[in-house]
Amino acid sequence: QEQLEESGGDLVQPGGSLRLSCTASTNIFSRAPMGWYRQAPGKERELVAAVTFGGSASYADSVKGRFTASKDNDKNTVYLQMNNLKPEDTAVYYCATGGLPPFRYWGQGTQVTVSS
């Protein structure tokens, strides 16, 4: 059973930055695609960034130009660098992998709150 653990969520002011991390229990990110998702209260879960096993990333329009996904295969970790954060970015952020969407394995989530 693959295990994923997110970290890095925090309270940040608008315009600020955060880097989320997602660490897997195996080297699954080097051989499978993954996704960063978020879910805000009362809203549906949305895909924020999709990363191929080769490391190519695509982004939701709402975060394009502000968020960047990257990965370190040696550390079994994928990152989400989030810049110029806005209040509407407030959500619980999840990483997921395993097969194709909807992914089989999910982390527990990390809270990102953007507020002054």
C-alpha atoms as a PDB file:
ATOM      1  CA  GLN A   1       0.000   0.000   0.000  1.00  0.00           C
ATOM      2  CA  GLU A   2       1.520   3.265  -1.140  1.00  0.00           C
ATOM      3  CA  GLN A   3       1.548   6.051   1.426  1.00  0.00           C
ATOM      4  CA  LEU A   4       1.689   9.739   0.619  1.00  0.00           C
ATOM      5  CA  GLU A   5       2.316  12.526   3.075  1.00  0.00           C
ATOM      6  CA  GLU A   6       1.833  16.210   2.327  1.00  0.00           C
ATOM      7  CA  SER A   7       3.417  19.006   4.305  1.00  0.00           C
ATOM      8  CA  GLY A   8       4.051  22.708   4.056  1.00  0.00           C
ATOM      9  CA  GLY A   9       0.579  24.140   4.455  1.00  0.00           C
ATOM     10  CA  ASP A  10       0.287  27.266   6.531  1.00  0.00           C
ATOM     11  CA  LEU A  11      -1.409  30.616   7.023  1.00  0.00           C
ATOM     12  CA  VAL A  12       0.037  33.187   4.635  1.00  0.00           C
ATOM     13  CA  GLN A  13      -0.863  36.725   3.630  1.00  0.00           C
ATOM     14  CA  PRO A  14      -2.100  37.532   0.120  1.00  0.00           C
ATOM     15  CA  GLY A  15       0.835  37.833  -2.228  1.00  0.00           C
ATOM     16  CA  GLY A  16       2.893  35.436  -0.167  1.00  0.00           C
ATOM     17  CA  SER A  17       4.440  32.120  -1.089  1.00  0.00           C
ATOM     18  CA  LEU A  18       4.411  28.557   0.160  1.00  0.00           C
ATOM     19  CA  ARG A  19       6.018  25.326  -0.952  1.00  0.00           C
ATOM     20  CA  LEU A  20       4.089  22.137  -0.421  1.00  0.00           C
ATOM     21  CA  SER A  21       5.799  18.764  -0.367  1.00  0.00           C
ATOM     22  CA  CYS A  22       4.396  15.322  -1.022  1.00  0.00           C
ATOM     23  CA  THR A  23       6.586  12.389  -0.050  1.00  0.00           C
ATOM     24  CA  ALA A  24       5.809   8.847  -1.111  1.00  0.00           C
ATOM     25  CA  SER A  25       6.761   5.643   0.650  1.00  0.00           C
ATOM     26  CA  THR A  26       8.250   4.250  -2.578  1.00  0.00           C
ATOM     27  CA  ASN A  27       9.722   5.627  -5.808  1.00  0.00           C
ATOM     28  CA  ILE A  28       6.306   5.725  -7.418  1.00  0.00           C
ATOM     29  CA  PHE A  29       6.739   9.292  -8.676  1.00  0.00           C
ATOM     30  CA  SER A  30       9.554   8.144 -10.944  1.00  0.00           C
ATOM     31  CA  ARG A  31       7.251   5.691 -12.728  1.00  0.00           C
ATOM     32  CA  ALA A  32       3.733   7.094 -12.459  1.00  0.00           C
ATOM     33  CA  PRO A  33       1.947  10.388 -12.989  1.00  0.00           C
ATOM     34  CA  MET A  34       0.639  12.353 -10.040  1.00  0.00           C
ATOM     35  CA  GLY A  35      -1.634  15.224  -9.308  1.00  0.00           C
ATOM     36  CA  TRP A  36      -1.957  18.077  -6.874  1.00  0.00           C
ATOM     37  CA  TYR A  37      -5.589  18.724  -5.953  1.00  0.00           C
ATOM     38  CA  ARG A  38      -7.331  21.153  -3.666  1.00  0.00           C
ATOM     39  CA  GLN A  39     -10.700  21.376  -2.062  1.00  0.00           C
ATOM     40  CA  ALA A  40     -12.134  24.506  -0.529  1.00  0.00           C
ATOM     41  CA  PRO A  41     -15.073  24.424   1.897  1.00  0.00           C
ATOM     42  CA  GLY A  42     -18.319  23.915   0.048  1.00  0.00           C
ATOM     43  CA  LYS A  43     -16.579  23.380  -3.271  1.00  0.00           C
ATOM     44  CA  GLU A  44     -15.704  20.372  -5.349  1.00  0.00           C
ATOM     45  CA  ARG A  45     -12.202  19.044  -5.431  1.00  0.00           C
ATOM     46  CA  GLU A  46     -10.223  20.437  -8.332  1.00  0.00           C
ATOM     47  CA  LEU A  47      -7.033  19.414 -10.057  1.00  0.00           C
ATOM     48  CA  VAL A  48      -4.405  22.110  -9.616  1.00  0.00           C
ATOM     49  CA  ALA A  49      -1.397  20.524 -11.300  1.00  0.00           C
ATOM     50  CA  ALA A  50      -0.738  17.275 -13.112  1.00  0.00           C
ATOM     51  CA  VAL A  51       2.804  15.906 -13.313  1.00  0.00           C
ATOM     52  CA  THR A  52       3.926  13.097 -15.608  1.00  0.00           C
ATOM     53  CA  PHE A  53       6.432  10.506 -14.449  1.00  0.00           C
ATOM     54  CA  GLY A  54       8.904  12.289 -16.696  1.00  0.00           C
ATOM     55  CA  GLY A  55       8.367  15.515 -14.784  1.00  0.00           C
ATOM     56  CA  SER A  56       6.298  17.543 -17.236  1.00  0.00           C
ATOM     57  CA  ALA A  57       3.593  19.575 -15.548  1.00  0.00           C
ATOM     58  CA  SER A  58       0.324  21.180 -16.587  1.00  0.00           C
ATOM     59  CA  TYR A  59      -1.774  23.543 -14.513  1.00  0.00           C
ATOM     60  CA  ALA A  60      -5.286  24.733 -13.957  1.00  0.00           C
ATOM     61  CA  ASP A  61      -5.913  28.137 -15.511  1.00  0.00           C
ATOM     62  CA  SER A  62      -6.560  29.589 -12.063  1.00  0.00           C
ATOM     63  CA  VAL A  63      -2.975  28.898 -10.947  1.00  0.00           C
ATOM     64  CA  LYS A  64      -1.044  29.064 -14.202  1.00  0.00           C
ATOM     65  CA  GLY A  65       1.937  31.373 -13.904  1.00  0.00           C
ATOM     66  CA  ARG A  66       1.810  31.315 -10.100  1.00  0.00           C
ATOM     67  CA  PHE A  67       2.222  27.642  -9.188  1.00  0.00           C
ATOM     68  CA  THR A  68       5.065  25.369 -10.234  1.00  0.00           C
ATOM     69  CA  ALA A  69       5.291  21.634  -9.664  1.00  0.00           C
ATOM     70  CA  SER A  70       8.605  19.830  -9.542  1.00  0.00           C
ATOM     71  CA  LYS A  71       9.933  16.600  -8.221  1.00  0.00           C
ATOM     72  CA  ASP A  72      13.004  15.008  -6.715  1.00  0.00           C
ATOM     73  CA  ASN A  73      13.025  11.317  -7.547  1.00  0.00           C
ATOM     74  CA  ASP A  74      15.918  10.659  -5.180  1.00  0.00           C
ATOM     75  CA  LYS A  75      13.750  11.855  -2.296  1.00  0.00           C
ATOM     76  CA  ASN A  76      10.482  10.325  -3.587  1.00  0.00           C
ATOM     77  CA  THR A  77       9.052  13.834  -3.262  1.00  0.00           C
ATOM     78  CA  VAL A  78       7.009  16.157  -5.420  1.00  0.00           C
ATOM     79  CA  TYR A  79       6.775  19.857  -4.657  1.00  0.00           C
ATOM     80  CA  LEU A  80       4.237  22.552  -5.389  1.00  0.00           C
ATOM     81  CA  GLN A  81       5.704  26.028  -5.262  1.00  0.00           C
ATOM     82  CA  MET A  82       2.897  28.526  -4.853  1.00  0.00           C
ATOM     83  CA  ASN A  83       3.611  32.209  -5.400  1.00  0.00           C
ATOM     84  CA  ASN A  84       1.454  35.330  -5.339  1.00  0.00           C
ATOM     85  CA  LEU A  85      -1.135  33.502  -3.292  1.00  0.00           C
ATOM     86  CA  LYS A  86      -4.683  34.785  -3.279  1.00  0.00           C
ATOM     87  CA  PRO A  87      -7.504  34.291  -0.770  1.00  0.00           C
ATOM     88  CA  GLU A  88      -9.245  32.051  -3.302  1.00  0.00           C
ATOM     89  CA  ASP A  89      -6.302  29.651  -3.072  1.00  0.00           C
ATOM     90  CA  THR A  90      -7.414  28.798   0.450  1.00  0.00           C
ATOM     91  CA  ALA A  91      -8.116  25.063   0.529  1.00  0.00           C
ATOM     92  CA  VAL A  92      -6.905  21.707   1.696  1.00  0.00           C
ATOM     93  CA  TYR A  93      -4.286  20.548  -0.780  1.00  0.00           C
ATOM     94  CA  TYR A  94      -3.836  16.869  -1.587  1.00  0.00           C
ATOM     95  CA  CYS A  95      -1.385  14.883  -3.632  1.00  0.00           C
ATOM     96  CA  ALA A  96      -2.405  11.707  -5.379  1.00  0.00           C
ATOM     97  CA  THR A  97      -0.885   9.034  -7.588  1.00  0.00           C
ATOM     98  CA  GLY A  98      -1.288   5.416  -8.646  1.00  0.00           C
ATOM     99  CA  GLY A  99      -2.673   4.556 -12.045  1.00  0.00           C
ATOM    100  CA  LEU A 100      -4.545   7.271 -13.901  1.00  0.00           C
ATOM    101  CA  PRO A 101      -7.064   9.760 -12.519  1.00  0.00           C
ATOM    102  CA  PRO A 102      -8.933   9.178 -10.337  1.00  0.00           C
ATOM    103  CA  PHE A 103      -5.761   8.101  -8.615  1.00  0.00           C
ATOM    104  CA  ARG A 104      -5.575   5.154  -6.280  1.00  0.00           C
ATOM    105  CA  TYR A 105      -3.469   6.688  -3.515  1.00  0.00           C
ATOM    106  CA  TRP A 106      -4.097   9.942  -1.711  1.00  0.00           C
ATOM    107  CA  GLY A 107      -2.386  11.858   1.056  1.00  0.00           C
ATOM    108  CA  GLN A 108      -4.172  13.190   4.097  1.00  0.00           C
ATOM    109  CA  GLY A 109      -4.047  16.788   2.903  1.00  0.00           C
ATOM    110  CA  THR A 110      -2.429  19.975   4.140  1.00  0.00           C
ATOM    111  CA  GLN A 111      -4.284  23.199   4.891  1.00  0.00           C
ATOM    112  CA  VAL A 112      -3.378  26.376   3.035  1.00  0.00           C
ATOM    113  CA  THR A 113      -5.020  29.552   4.264  1.00  0.00           C
ATOM    114  CA  VAL A 114      -4.457  32.858   2.510  1.00  0.00           C
ATOM    115  CA  SER A 115      -5.697  35.744   4.596  1.00  0.00           C
ATOM    116  CA  SER A 116      -4.594  39.112   5.903  1.00  0.00           C
END
